[in-house]
C-alpha atoms as a PDB file:
ATOM      1  CA  MET A   1     106.448  42.311 245.517  1.00  0.00           C
ATOM      2  CA  THR A   2     108.992  45.040 244.743  1.00  0.00           C
ATOM      3  CA  LYS A   3     110.960  44.143 247.870  1.00  0.00           C
ATOM      4  CA  LEU A   4     111.030  40.492 246.846  1.00  0.00           C
ATOM      5  CA  MET A   5     112.348  41.308 243.385  1.00  0.00           C
ATOM      6  CA  PHE A   6     114.931  43.633 244.911  1.00  0.00           C
ATOM      7  CA  ALA A   7     116.069  40.939 247.340  1.00  0.00           C
ATOM      8  CA  VAL A   8     116.565  38.560 244.456  1.00  0.00           C
ATOM      9  CA  ALA A   9     118.496  41.171 242.485  1.00  0.00           C
ATOM     10  CA  VAL A  10     120.798  42.005 245.377  1.00  0.00           C
ATOM     11  CA  SER A  11     121.541  38.399 246.227  1.00  0.00           C
ATOM     12  CA  LEU A  12     122.563  37.744 242.664  1.00  0.00           C
ATOM     13  CA  THR A  13     125.227  40.398 242.560  1.00  0.00           C
ATOM     14  CA  VAL A  14     127.899  37.774 243.024  1.00  0.00           C
ATOM     15  CA  LEU A  15     126.529  35.023 240.792  1.00  0.00           C
ATOM     16  CA  PRO A  16     125.027  36.605 237.670  1.00  0.00           C
ATOM     17  CA  SER A  17     125.359  33.409 235.629  1.00  0.00           C
ATOM     18  CA  LEU A  18     123.303  31.571 238.235  1.00  0.00           C
ATOM     19  CA  ALA A  19     120.737  34.333 237.969  1.00  0.00           C
ATOM     20  CA  LEU A  20     120.222  33.640 234.291  1.00  0.00           C
ATOM     21  CA  ALA A  21     119.936  29.916 234.884  1.00  0.00           C
ATOM     22  CA  GLN A  22     117.274  30.385 237.574  1.00  0.00           C
ATOM     23  CA  GLY A  23     115.438  33.305 235.943  1.00  0.00           C
ATOM     24  CA  HIS A  24     115.974  35.818 238.751  1.00  0.00           C
ATOM     25  CA  MET A  25     115.178  39.495 238.331  1.00  0.00           C
ATOM     26  CA  GLY A  26     117.436  42.512 238.689  1.00  0.00           C
ATOM     27  CA  THR A  27     119.171  44.757 236.241  1.00  0.00           C
ATOM     28  CA  PRO A  28     122.877  44.360 235.588  1.00  0.00           C
ATOM     29  CA  GLN A  29     123.324  47.931 236.856  1.00  0.00           C
ATOM     30  CA  GLU A  30     121.662  47.092 240.197  1.00  0.00           C
ATOM     31  CA  GLN A  31     123.766  43.983 240.558  1.00  0.00           C
ATOM     32  CA  LYS A  32     126.951  45.885 239.761  1.00  0.00           C
ATOM     33  CA  ALA A  33     126.066  48.710 242.156  1.00  0.00           C
ATOM     34  CA  CYS A  34     125.609  46.459 245.188  1.00  0.00           C
ATOM     35  CA  ALA A  35     128.081  43.646 244.466  1.00  0.00           C
ATOM     36  CA  PRO A  36     130.999  45.184 246.377  1.00  0.00           C
ATOM     37  CA  ASP A  37     128.802  45.952 249.387  1.00  0.00           C
ATOM     38  CA  ALA A  38     127.269  42.469 249.398  1.00  0.00           C
ATOM     39  CA  LYS A  39     130.735  40.916 249.258  1.00  0.00           C
ATOM     40  CA  ARG A  40     132.081  43.222 251.934  1.00  0.00           C
ATOM     41  CA  PHE A  41     129.263  43.159 254.487  1.00  0.00           C
ATOM     42  CA  CYS A  42     127.278  40.016 253.709  1.00  0.00           C
ATOM     43  CA  ARG A  43     129.761  37.387 252.566  1.00  0.00           C
ATOM     44  CA  SER A  44     128.379  34.714 254.899  1.00  0.00           C
ATOM     45  CA  GLN A  45     124.801  35.277 253.654  1.00  0.00           C
ATOM     46  CA  LEU A  46     125.510  35.135 249.909  1.00  0.00           C
ATOM     47  CA  GLY A  47     123.131  32.705 248.264  1.00  0.00           C
ATOM     48  CA  ASP A  48     120.233  33.571 250.593  1.00  0.00           C
ATOM     49  CA  ASP A  49     118.249  36.380 248.965  1.00  0.00           C
ATOM     50  CA  PHE A  50     116.464  37.574 252.069  1.00  0.00           C
ATOM     51  CA  ALA A  51     119.512  37.326 254.308  1.00  0.00           C
ATOM     52  CA  VAL A  52     121.554  39.481 251.920  1.00  0.00           C
ATOM     53  CA  GLN A  53     118.789  42.083 251.762  1.00  0.00           C
ATOM     54  CA  ASN A  54     118.545  42.128 255.559  1.00  0.00           C
ATOM     55  CA  CYS A  55     122.315  42.343 255.885  1.00  0.00           C
ATOM     56  CA  LEU A  56     122.549  45.261 253.472  1.00  0.00           C
ATOM     57  CA  THR A  57     119.658  46.966 255.253  1.00  0.00           C
ATOM     58  CA  GLN A  58     121.426  46.531 258.599  1.00  0.00           C
ATOM     59  CA  ASN A  59     124.544  48.072 257.083  1.00  0.00           C
ATOM     60  CA  ARG A  60     122.628  50.851 255.333  1.00  0.00           C
ATOM     61  CA  GLN A  61     124.767  53.643 256.789  1.00  0.00           C
ATOM     62  CA  LYS A  62     127.925  51.965 255.442  1.00  0.00           C
ATOM     63  CA  LEU A  63     126.702  51.251 251.889  1.00  0.00           C
ATOM     64  CA  SER A  64     128.297  52.867 248.894  1.00  0.00           C
ATOM     65  CA  LYS A  65     126.394  55.719 247.288  1.00  0.00           C
ATOM     66  CA  ARG A  66     125.605  53.533 244.276  1.00  0.00           C
ATOM     67  CA  CYS A  67     124.103  50.687 246.313  1.00  0.00           C
ATOM     68  CA  SER A  68     122.268  53.099 248.576  1.00  0.00           C
ATOM     69  CA  ALA A  69     120.707  54.636 245.465  1.00  0.00           C
ATOM     70  CA  VAL A  70     119.449  51.184 244.439  1.00  0.00           C
ATOM     71  CA  PHE A  71     117.732  50.797 247.804  1.00  0.00           C
ATOM     72  CA  GLN A  72     116.209  54.266 247.479  1.00  0.00           C
ATOM     73  CA  SER A  73     114.961  53.548 243.968  1.00  0.00           C
ATOM     74  CA  HIS A  74     113.028  50.597 245.369  1.00  0.00           C
ATOM     75  CA  GLY A  75     111.518  52.661 248.162  1.00  0.00           C
ATOM     76  CA  MET A  76     113.640  51.126 250.873  1.00  0.00           C
END
């Protein structure tokens, strides 16, 4: 369940207003931490929660320290 909530949070880094409209989870800090990485590495997957999570996971070695810390805080 934690992974699902994290996937939702990460995918919403680019569209926080949509997140509020759809009731998605994720703190503003988590969204802010991973937004640049999601835009940089996962642009074509934005809008697909699981695809963004998989993309960021595949690019784990390239993630910023802030986004990497988000993954670590969720046990990933």
